[in-house]
Protein backbone atom coordinates (compact mmCIF):
# COMPACT_ATOMS: atom_id res chain seq x y z
CA UNK A 1 0.00 0.00 0.00
CA UNK A 2 1.27 3.47 -0.84
CA UNK A 3 0.74 6.85 0.73
CA UNK A 4 1.89 10.41 0.08
CA UNK A 5 3.78 12.53 2.60
CA UNK A 6 1.62 15.63 2.95
CA UNK A 7 3.31 17.73 5.61
CA UNK A 8 5.15 17.79 8.90
CA UNK A 9 3.18 17.67 12.13
CA UNK A 10 3.00 21.32 13.13
CA UNK A 11 1.84 23.67 15.80
CA UNK A 12 1.66 27.40 15.80
CA UNK A 13 5.31 27.90 16.69
CA UNK A 14 6.90 24.43 16.38
CA UNK A 15 7.44 21.96 13.56
CA UNK A 16 8.22 18.35 14.48
CA UNK A 17 10.52 16.95 11.78
CA UNK A 18 10.17 13.25 12.53
CA UNK A 19 6.34 13.30 12.70
CA UNK A 20 4.59 13.38 9.31
CA UNK A 21 1.00 13.58 8.06
CA UNK A 22 0.27 11.01 5.32
CA UNK A 23 -2.63 10.67 2.89
CA UNK A 24 -3.55 7.22 1.53
CA UNK A 25 -5.84 6.73 -1.48
CA UNK A 26 -9.00 4.89 -0.55
CA UNK A 27 -9.20 6.07 3.06
CA UNK A 28 -12.28 8.26 3.45
CA UNK A 29 -12.78 8.62 7.21
CA UNK A 30 -11.21 8.22 10.62
CA UNK A 31 -12.53 4.69 11.21
CA UNK A 32 -10.81 3.32 8.08
CA UNK A 33 -7.56 5.05 9.05
CA UNK A 34 -7.57 3.49 12.54
CA UNK A 35 -7.17 0.03 10.97
CA UNK A 36 -3.64 0.94 9.82
CA UNK A 37 -2.33 2.04 13.23
CA UNK A 38 0.83 0.12 14.20
CA UNK A 39 1.91 -0.77 10.65
CA UNK A 40 5.48 -0.13 9.55
CA UNK A 41 6.26 2.49 6.95
CA UNK A 42 9.36 3.31 4.89
CA UNK A 43 10.53 6.14 2.64
CA UNK A 44 13.36 5.81 0.13
CA UNK A 45 15.32 8.80 -1.10
CA UNK A 46 16.44 9.08 -4.72
CA UNK A 47 19.99 8.27 -3.58
CA UNK A 48 18.82 5.01 -1.99
CA UNK A 49 18.73 5.97 1.69
CA UNK A 50 15.79 4.43 3.56
CA UNK A 51 14.08 5.93 6.62
CA UNK A 52 11.69 3.70 8.54
CA UNK A 53 8.84 4.57 10.84
CA UNK A 54 5.51 3.48 12.26
CA UNK A 55 1.94 4.73 11.93
CA UNK A 56 0.96 6.22 15.28
CA UNK A 57 -2.61 7.48 14.87
CA UNK A 58 -5.18 8.99 12.58
CA UNK A 59 -5.08 12.72 11.85
CA UNK A 60 -8.32 14.61 11.39
CA UNK A 61 -11.66 13.26 10.17
CA UNK A 62 -10.87 12.61 6.49
CA UNK A 63 -8.63 9.55 6.81
CA UNK A 64 -5.16 11.08 7.10
CA UNK A 65 -2.52 9.26 9.15
CA UNK A 66 0.23 10.44 11.48
CA UNK A 67 3.52 8.55 11.29
CA UNK A 68 6.60 8.78 13.51
CA UNK A 69 9.91 8.20 11.71
CA UNK A 70 13.16 7.17 13.39
CA UNK A 71 14.91 10.37 12.26
CA UNK A 72 13.93 13.75 10.86
CA UNK A 73 12.62 13.80 7.31
CA UNK A 74 14.19 16.13 4.72
CA UNK A 75 12.10 18.78 3.02
CA UNK A 76 12.53 17.00 -0.32
CA UNK A 77 10.37 14.16 1.01
CA UNK A 78 7.19 16.25 0.95
CA UNK A 79 4.87 15.08 -1.82
CA UNK A 80 6.72 11.81 -2.39
CA UNK A 81 5.45 8.25 -1.87
CA UNK A 82 5.95 5.99 1.12
CA UNK A 83 5.39 2.24 1.43
CA UNK A 84 3.05 0.93 4.13
CA UNK A 85 3.77 -2.68 5.05
PDB file of N, CA and C in Angstrom:
ATOM      1  N   UNK A   1       0.842  -1.166   0.000  1.00  0.00           N
ATOM      2  CA  UNK A   1       0.000   0.000   0.000  1.00  0.00           C
ATOM      3  C   UNK A   1       0.891   1.235   0.000  1.00  0.00           C
ATOM      4  N   UNK A   2       0.476   2.254  -0.737  1.00  0.00           N
ATOM      5  CA  UNK A   2       1.271   3.469  -0.842  1.00  0.00           C
ATOM      6  C   UNK A   2       0.521   4.662  -0.273  1.00  0.00           C
ATOM      7  N   UNK A   3       1.284   5.600   0.241  1.00  0.00           N
ATOM      8  CA  UNK A   3       0.740   6.849   0.726  1.00  0.00           C
ATOM      9  C   UNK A   3       1.613   7.998   0.265  1.00  0.00           C
ATOM     10  N   UNK A   4       1.148   9.215   0.481  1.00  0.00           N
ATOM     11  CA  UNK A   4       1.891  10.409   0.079  1.00  0.00           C
ATOM     12  C   UNK A   4       2.155  11.250   1.320  1.00  0.00           C
ATOM     13  N   UNK A   5       3.407  11.672   1.482  1.00  0.00           N
ATOM     14  CA  UNK A   5       3.776  12.531   2.603  1.00  0.00           C
ATOM     15  C   UNK A   5       3.220  13.928   2.344  1.00  0.00           C
ATOM     16  N   UNK A   6       2.295  14.364   3.184  1.00  0.00           N
ATOM     17  CA  UNK A   6       1.624  15.635   2.952  1.00  0.00           C
ATOM     18  C   UNK A   6       2.352  16.792   3.622  1.00  0.00           C
ATOM     19  N   UNK A   7       2.703  16.630   4.884  1.00  0.00           N
ATOM     20  CA  UNK A   7       3.312  17.729   5.611  1.00  0.00           C
ATOM     21  C   UNK A   7       3.899  17.219   6.925  1.00  0.00           C
ATOM     22  N   UNK A   8       4.668  18.082   7.564  1.00  0.00           N
ATOM     23  CA  UNK A   8       5.149  17.793   8.903  1.00  0.00           C
ATOM     24  C   UNK A   8       4.000  17.988   9.891  1.00  0.00           C
ATOM     25  N   UNK A   9       4.109  17.373  11.053  1.00  0.00           N
ATOM     26  CA  UNK A   9       3.175  17.668  12.129  1.00  0.00           C
ATOM     27  C   UNK A   9       3.593  19.012  12.706  1.00  0.00           C
ATOM     28  N   UNK A  10       2.649  19.956  12.763  1.00  0.00           N
ATOM     29  CA  UNK A  10       2.996  21.317  13.128  1.00  0.00           C
ATOM     30  C   UNK A  10       2.094  21.853  14.221  1.00  0.00           C
ATOM     31  N   UNK A  11       2.613  22.844  14.886  1.00  0.00           N
ATOM     32  CA  UNK A  11       1.843  23.668  15.797  1.00  0.00           C
ATOM     33  C   UNK A  11       1.978  25.108  15.343  1.00  0.00           C
ATOM     34  N   UNK A  12       1.581  25.989  16.175  1.00  0.00           N
ATOM     35  CA  UNK A  12       1.659  27.399  15.801  1.00  0.00           C
ATOM     36  C   UNK A  12       3.099  27.889  15.722  1.00  0.00           C
ATOM     37  N   UNK A  13       3.928  27.428  16.635  1.00  0.00           N
ATOM     38  CA  UNK A  13       5.311  27.900  16.689  1.00  0.00           C
ATOM     39  C   UNK A  13       6.344  26.813  16.427  1.00  0.00           C
ATOM     40  N   UNK A  14       5.941  25.535  16.417  1.00  0.00           N
ATOM     41  CA  UNK A  14       6.898  24.433  16.380  1.00  0.00           C
ATOM     42  C   UNK A  14       6.554  23.475  15.242  1.00  0.00           C
ATOM     43  N   UNK A  15       7.578  23.013  14.562  1.00  0.00           N
ATOM     44  CA  UNK A  15       7.435  21.962  13.557  1.00  0.00           C
ATOM     45  C   UNK A  15       8.219  20.749  14.025  1.00  0.00           C
ATOM     46  N   UNK A  16       7.573  19.582  14.035  1.00  0.00           N
ATOM     47  CA  UNK A  16       8.224  18.352  14.480  1.00  0.00           C
ATOM     48  C   UNK A  16       8.686  17.589  13.247  1.00  0.00           C
ATOM     49  N   UNK A  17       9.995  17.473  13.042  1.00  0.00           N
ATOM     50  CA  UNK A  17      10.524  16.953  11.781  1.00  0.00           C
ATOM     51  C   UNK A  17      10.426  15.445  11.627  1.00  0.00           C
ATOM     52  N   UNK A  18      10.257  14.696  12.690  1.00  0.00           N
ATOM     53  CA  UNK A  18      10.167  13.252  12.531  1.00  0.00           C
ATOM     54  C   UNK A  18       8.726  12.747  12.625  1.00  0.00           C
ATOM     55  N   UNK A  19       7.756  13.652  12.766  1.00  0.00           N
ATOM     56  CA  UNK A  19       6.337  13.302  12.696  1.00  0.00           C
ATOM     57  C   UNK A  19       5.790  13.823  11.375  1.00  0.00           C
ATOM     58  N   UNK A  20       5.100  12.976  10.613  1.00  0.00           N
ATOM     59  CA  UNK A  20       4.586  13.376   9.309  1.00  0.00           C
ATOM     60  C   UNK A  20       3.107  13.044   9.187  1.00  0.00           C
ATOM     61  N   UNK A  21       2.398  13.838   8.396  1.00  0.00           N
ATOM     62  CA  UNK A  21       1.004  13.578   8.056  1.00  0.00           C
ATOM     63  C   UNK A  21       0.994  12.928   6.680  1.00  0.00           C
ATOM     64  N   UNK A  22       0.266  11.817   6.548  1.00  0.00           N
ATOM     65  CA  UNK A  22       0.270  11.015   5.322  1.00  0.00           C
ATOM     66  C   UNK A  22      -1.157  10.822   4.835  1.00  0.00           C
ATOM     67  N   UNK A  23      -1.346  10.973   3.516  1.00  0.00           N
ATOM     68  CA  UNK A  23      -2.633  10.674   2.887  1.00  0.00           C
ATOM     69  C   UNK A  23      -2.508   9.377   2.106  1.00  0.00           C
ATOM     70  N   UNK A  24      -3.522   8.499   2.241  1.00  0.00           N
ATOM     71  CA  UNK A  24      -3.549   7.223   1.530  1.00  0.00           C
ATOM     72  C   UNK A  24      -4.808   7.202   0.673  1.00  0.00           C
ATOM     73  N   UNK A  25      -4.668   6.842  -0.610  1.00  0.00           N
ATOM     74  CA  UNK A  25      -5.836   6.727  -1.480  1.00  0.00           C
ATOM     75  C   UNK A  25      -6.749   5.623  -0.970  1.00  0.00           C
ATOM     76  N   UNK A  26      -8.035   5.888  -0.969  1.00  0.00           N
ATOM     77  CA  UNK A  26      -8.999   4.891  -0.545  1.00  0.00           C
ATOM     78  C   UNK A  26      -9.470   5.059   0.888  1.00  0.00           C
ATOM     79  N   UNK A  27      -8.756   5.823   1.691  1.00  0.00           N
ATOM     80  CA  UNK A  27      -9.203   6.073   3.062  1.00  0.00           C
ATOM     81  C   UNK A  27     -10.093   7.310   3.058  1.00  0.00           C
ATOM     82  N   UNK A  28     -11.320   7.155   3.528  1.00  0.00           N
ATOM     83  CA  UNK A  28     -12.275   8.255   3.455  1.00  0.00           C
ATOM     84  C   UNK A  28     -12.614   8.856   4.813  1.00  0.00           C
ATOM     85  N   UNK A  29     -12.427   8.080   5.891  1.00  0.00           N
ATOM     86  CA  UNK A  29     -12.783   8.617   7.208  1.00  0.00           C
ATOM     87  C   UNK A  29     -11.842   8.079   8.281  1.00  0.00           C
ATOM     88  N   UNK A  30     -12.076   8.545   9.496  1.00  0.00           N
ATOM     89  CA  UNK A  30     -11.207   8.222  10.619  1.00  0.00           C
ATOM     90  C   UNK A  30     -11.246   6.741  10.980  1.00  0.00           C
ATOM     91  N   UNK A  31     -12.408   6.105  10.847  1.00  0.00           N
ATOM     92  CA  UNK A  31     -12.526   4.691  11.206  1.00  0.00           C
ATOM     93  C   UNK A  31     -11.697   3.793  10.297  1.00  0.00           C
ATOM     94  N   UNK A  32     -11.645   4.094   9.001  1.00  0.00           N
ATOM     95  CA  UNK A  32     -10.811   3.317   8.078  1.00  0.00           C
ATOM     96  C   UNK A  32      -9.332   3.537   8.365  1.00  0.00           C
ATOM     97  N   UNK A  33      -8.965   4.748   8.761  1.00  0.00           N
ATOM     98  CA  UNK A  33      -7.563   5.054   9.051  1.00  0.00           C
ATOM     99  C   UNK A  33      -7.087   4.343  10.314  1.00  0.00           C
ATOM    100  N   UNK A  34      -7.969   4.131  11.283  1.00  0.00           N
ATOM    101  CA  UNK A  34      -7.570   3.490  12.538  1.00  0.00           C
ATOM    102  C   UNK A  34      -7.148   2.045  12.334  1.00  0.00           C
ATOM    103  N   UNK A  35      -7.558   1.414  11.239  1.00  0.00           N
ATOM    104  CA  UNK A  35      -7.168   0.027  10.968  1.00  0.00           C
ATOM    105  C   UNK A  35      -5.686  -0.107  10.627  1.00  0.00           C
ATOM    106  N   UNK A  36      -5.052   0.983  10.219  1.00  0.00           N
ATOM    107  CA  UNK A  36      -3.638   0.937   9.821  1.00  0.00           C
ATOM    108  C   UNK A  36      -2.679   1.303  10.950  1.00  0.00           C
ATOM    109  N   UNK A  37      -3.197   1.642  12.120  1.00  0.00           N
ATOM    110  CA  UNK A  37      -2.326   2.043  13.231  1.00  0.00           C
ATOM    111  C   UNK A  37      -1.441   0.866  13.642  1.00  0.00           C
ATOM    112  N   UNK A  38      -0.137   1.141  13.798  1.00  0.00           N
ATOM    113  CA  UNK A  38       0.826   0.122  14.198  1.00  0.00           C
ATOM    114  C   UNK A  38       1.592  -0.488  13.041  1.00  0.00           C
ATOM    115  N   UNK A  39       1.196  -0.208  11.803  1.00  0.00           N
ATOM    116  CA  UNK A  39       1.905  -0.771  10.651  1.00  0.00           C
ATOM    117  C   UNK A  39       3.213  -0.025  10.433  1.00  0.00           C
ATOM    118  N   UNK A  40       4.183  -0.725   9.846  1.00  0.00           N
ATOM    119  CA  UNK A  40       5.478  -0.127   9.549  1.00  0.00           C
ATOM    120  C   UNK A  40       5.397   0.632   8.232  1.00  0.00           C
ATOM    121  N   UNK A  41       6.264   1.629   8.118  1.00  0.00           N
ATOM    122  CA  UNK A  41       6.261   2.491   6.948  1.00  0.00           C
ATOM    123  C   UNK A  41       7.709   2.796   6.586  1.00  0.00           C
ATOM    124  N   UNK A  42       7.988   2.989   5.300  1.00  0.00           N
ATOM    125  CA  UNK A  42       9.360   3.314   4.890  1.00  0.00           C
ATOM    126  C   UNK A  42       9.338   4.283   3.716  1.00  0.00           C
ATOM    127  N   UNK A  43      10.333   5.162   3.708  1.00  0.00           N
ATOM    128  CA  UNK A  43      10.526   6.141   2.639  1.00  0.00           C
ATOM    129  C   UNK A  43      11.928   5.961   2.083  1.00  0.00           C
ATOM    130  N   UNK A  44      12.047   5.929   0.761  1.00  0.00           N
ATOM    131  CA  UNK A  44      13.356   5.809   0.125  1.00  0.00           C
ATOM    132  C   UNK A  44      13.671   7.087  -0.624  1.00  0.00           C
ATOM    133  N   UNK A  45      14.876   7.598  -0.397  1.00  0.00           N
ATOM    134  CA  UNK A  45      15.318   8.801  -1.097  1.00  0.00           C
ATOM    135  C   UNK A  45      15.794   8.418  -2.495  1.00  0.00           C
ATOM    136  N   UNK A  46      15.923   9.389  -3.379  1.00  0.00           N
ATOM    137  CA  UNK A  46      16.444   9.079  -4.719  1.00  0.00           C
ATOM    138  C   UNK A  46      17.857   8.499  -4.703  1.00  0.00           C
ATOM    139  N   UNK A  47      18.639   8.815  -3.666  1.00  0.00           N
ATOM    140  CA  UNK A  47      19.993   8.274  -3.576  1.00  0.00           C
ATOM    141  C   UNK A  47      20.027   6.877  -2.971  1.00  0.00           C
ATOM    142  N   UNK A  48      18.879   6.367  -2.507  1.00  0.00           N
ATOM    143  CA  UNK A  48      18.818   5.014  -1.987  1.00  0.00           C
ATOM    144  C   UNK A  48      18.736   4.899  -0.477  1.00  0.00           C
ATOM    145  N   UNK A  49      18.821   6.003   0.232  1.00  0.00           N
ATOM    146  CA  UNK A  49      18.726   5.972   1.689  1.00  0.00           C
ATOM    147  C   UNK A  49      17.282   5.669   2.093  1.00  0.00           C
ATOM    148  N   UNK A  50      17.120   4.819   3.103  1.00  0.00           N
ATOM    149  CA  UNK A  50      15.788   4.430   3.555  1.00  0.00           C
ATOM    150  C   UNK A  50      15.592   4.863   5.006  1.00  0.00           C
ATOM    151  N   UNK A  51      14.452   5.517   5.266  1.00  0.00           N
ATOM    152  CA  UNK A  51      14.082   5.930   6.618  1.00  0.00           C
ATOM    153  C   UNK A  51      12.805   5.194   6.973  1.00  0.00           C
ATOM    154  N   UNK A  52      12.828   4.508   8.120  1.00  0.00           N
ATOM    155  CA  UNK A  52      11.688   3.702   8.541  1.00  0.00           C
ATOM    156  C   UNK A  52      10.938   4.390   9.664  1.00  0.00           C
ATOM    157  N   UNK A  53       9.671   4.012   9.787  1.00  0.00           N
ATOM    158  CA  UNK A  53       8.845   4.574  10.843  1.00  0.00           C
ATOM    159  C   UNK A  53       7.648   3.690  11.114  1.00  0.00           C
ATOM    160  N   UNK A  54       6.702   4.227  11.875  1.00  0.00           N
ATOM    161  CA  UNK A  54       5.515   3.478  12.264  1.00  0.00           C
ATOM    162  C   UNK A  54       4.327   4.429  12.285  1.00  0.00           C
ATOM    163  N   UNK A  55       3.157   3.930  11.896  1.00  0.00           N
ATOM    164  CA  UNK A  55       1.942   4.729  11.929  1.00  0.00           C
ATOM    165  C   UNK A  55       1.460   4.792  13.376  1.00  0.00           C
ATOM    166  N   UNK A  56       1.284   6.017  13.880  1.00  0.00           N
ATOM    167  CA  UNK A  56       0.957   6.217  15.282  1.00  0.00           C
ATOM    168  C   UNK A  56      -0.536   6.411  15.509  1.00  0.00           C
ATOM    169  N   UNK A  57      -1.198   7.189  14.655  1.00  0.00           N
ATOM    170  CA  UNK A  57      -2.611   7.483  14.873  1.00  0.00           C
ATOM    171  C   UNK A  57      -3.217   8.062  13.612  1.00  0.00           C
ATOM    172  N   UNK A  58      -4.521   8.281  13.668  1.00  0.00           N
ATOM    173  CA  UNK A  58      -5.178   8.988  12.577  1.00  0.00           C
ATOM    174  C   UNK A  58      -5.008  10.483  12.812  1.00  0.00           C
ATOM    175  N   UNK A  59      -5.259  11.268  11.763  1.00  0.00           N
ATOM    176  CA  UNK A  59      -5.082  12.716  11.845  1.00  0.00           C
ATOM    177  C   UNK A  59      -6.283  13.369  11.179  1.00  0.00           C
ATOM    178  N   UNK A  60      -7.144  13.961  11.949  1.00  0.00           N
ATOM    179  CA  UNK A  60      -8.325  14.610  11.394  1.00  0.00           C
ATOM    180  C   UNK A  60      -9.441  13.619  11.129  1.00  0.00           C
ATOM    181  N   UNK A  61     -10.471  14.072  10.420  1.00  0.00           N
ATOM    182  CA  UNK A  61     -11.660  13.262  10.174  1.00  0.00           C
ATOM    183  C   UNK A  61     -11.731  12.687   8.770  1.00  0.00           C
ATOM    184  N   UNK A  62     -10.785  13.019   7.886  1.00  0.00           N
ATOM    185  CA  UNK A  62     -10.870  12.607   6.487  1.00  0.00           C
ATOM    186  C   UNK A  62      -9.946  11.450   6.124  1.00  0.00           C
ATOM    187  N   UNK A  63      -9.409  10.744   7.095  1.00  0.00           N
ATOM    188  CA  UNK A  63      -8.629   9.546   6.811  1.00  0.00           C
ATOM    189  C   UNK A  63      -7.140   9.745   6.693  1.00  0.00           C
ATOM    190  N   UNK A  64      -6.610  10.877   7.119  1.00  0.00           N
ATOM    191  CA  UNK A  64      -5.165  11.080   7.097  1.00  0.00           C
ATOM    192  C   UNK A  64      -4.536  10.309   8.263  1.00  0.00           C
ATOM    193  N   UNK A  65      -3.253  10.011   8.126  1.00  0.00           N
ATOM    194  CA  UNK A  65      -2.517   9.261   9.146  1.00  0.00           C
ATOM    195  C   UNK A  65      -1.375  10.107   9.676  1.00  0.00           C
ATOM    196  N   UNK A  66      -0.946   9.810  10.904  1.00  0.00           N
ATOM    197  CA  UNK A  66       0.235  10.441  11.477  1.00  0.00           C
ATOM    198  C   UNK A  66       1.266   9.359  11.719  1.00  0.00           C
ATOM    199  N   UNK A  67       2.455   9.534  11.155  1.00  0.00           N
ATOM    200  CA  UNK A  67       3.523   8.554  11.293  1.00  0.00           C
ATOM    201  C   UNK A  67       4.702   9.182  12.025  1.00  0.00           C
ATOM    202  N   UNK A  68       5.396   8.349  12.799  1.00  0.00           N
ATOM    203  CA  UNK A  68       6.599   8.781  13.508  1.00  0.00           C
ATOM    204  C   UNK A  68       7.778   8.040  12.884  1.00  0.00           C
ATOM    205  N   UNK A  69       8.722   8.782  12.333  1.00  0.00           N
ATOM    206  CA  UNK A  69       9.906   8.201  11.712  1.00  0.00           C
ATOM    207  C   UNK A  69      11.054   8.194  12.703  1.00  0.00           C
ATOM    208  N   UNK A  70      12.050   7.331  12.447  1.00  0.00           N
ATOM    209  CA  UNK A  70      13.162   7.174  13.387  1.00  0.00           C
ATOM    210  C   UNK A  70      14.109   8.362  13.375  1.00  0.00           C
ATOM    211  N   UNK A  71      14.100   9.158  12.327  1.00  0.00           N
ATOM    212  CA  UNK A  71      14.913  10.371  12.261  1.00  0.00           C
ATOM    213  C   UNK A  71      14.147  11.426  11.484  1.00  0.00           C
ATOM    214  N   UNK A  72      14.614  12.654  11.532  1.00  0.00           N
ATOM    215  CA  UNK A  72      13.932  13.752  10.857  1.00  0.00           C
ATOM    216  C   UNK A  72      13.900  13.570   9.352  1.00  0.00           C
ATOM    217  N   UNK A  73      12.788  13.945   8.756  1.00  0.00           N
ATOM    218  CA  UNK A  73      12.621  13.803   7.314  1.00  0.00           C
ATOM    219  C   UNK A  73      13.092  15.078   6.616  1.00  0.00           C
ATOM    220  N   UNK A  74      13.759  14.942   5.460  1.00  0.00           N
ATOM    221  CA  UNK A  74      14.191  16.128   4.718  1.00  0.00           C
ATOM    222  C   UNK A  74      13.005  16.802   4.036  1.00  0.00           C
ATOM    223  N   UNK A  75      13.156  18.049   3.695  1.00  0.00           N
ATOM    224  CA  UNK A  75      12.097  18.784   3.017  1.00  0.00           C
ATOM    225  C   UNK A  75      11.779  18.234   1.649  1.00  0.00           C
ATOM    226  N   UNK A  76      12.753  17.575   1.001  1.00  0.00           N
ATOM    227  CA  UNK A  76      12.530  16.998  -0.320  1.00  0.00           C
ATOM    228  C   UNK A  76      11.562  15.823  -0.280  1.00  0.00           C
ATOM    229  N   UNK A  77      11.273  15.300   0.907  1.00  0.00           N
ATOM    230  CA  UNK A  77      10.370  14.157   1.006  1.00  0.00           C
ATOM    231  C   UNK A  77       8.907  14.551   0.863  1.00  0.00           C
ATOM    232  N   UNK A  78       8.576  15.821   1.035  1.00  0.00           N
ATOM    233  CA  UNK A  78       7.185  16.251   0.947  1.00  0.00           C
ATOM    234  C   UNK A  78       6.646  16.005  -0.459  1.00  0.00           C
ATOM    235  N   UNK A  79       5.491  15.370  -0.535  1.00  0.00           N
ATOM    236  CA  UNK A  79       4.868  15.076  -1.821  1.00  0.00           C
ATOM    237  C   UNK A  79       5.326  13.786  -2.451  1.00  0.00           C
ATOM    238  N   UNK A  80       6.232  13.060  -1.830  1.00  0.00           N
ATOM    239  CA  UNK A  80       6.717  11.805  -2.386  1.00  0.00           C
ATOM    240  C   UNK A  80       5.974  10.627  -1.762  1.00  0.00           C
ATOM    241  N   UNK A  81       6.186   9.435  -2.309  1.00  0.00           N
ATOM    242  CA  UNK A  81       5.454   8.255  -1.871  1.00  0.00           C
ATOM    243  C   UNK A  81       6.204   7.505  -0.772  1.00  0.00           C
ATOM    244  N   UNK A  82       5.413   6.863   0.087  1.00  0.00           N
ATOM    245  CA  UNK A  82       5.946   5.990   1.123  1.00  0.00           C
ATOM    246  C   UNK A  82       5.257   4.632   0.988  1.00  0.00           C
ATOM    247  N   UNK A  83       5.929   3.594   1.458  1.00  0.00           N
ATOM    248  CA  UNK A  83       5.389   2.239   1.428  1.00  0.00           C
ATOM    249  C   UNK A  83       4.881   1.865   2.809  1.00  0.00           C
ATOM    250  N   UNK A  84       3.639   1.403   2.876  1.00  0.00           N
ATOM    251  CA  UNK A  84       3.052   0.926   4.134  1.00  0.00           C
ATOM    252  C   UNK A  84       3.028  -0.584   4.076  1.00  0.00           C
ATOM    253  N   UNK A  85       3.650  -1.223   5.062  1.00  0.00           N
ATOM    254  CA  UNK A  85       3.771  -2.682   5.049  1.00  0.00           C
ATOM    255  C   UNK A  85       2.902  -3.305   6.110  1.00  0.00           C
TER     256      UNK A  85
END
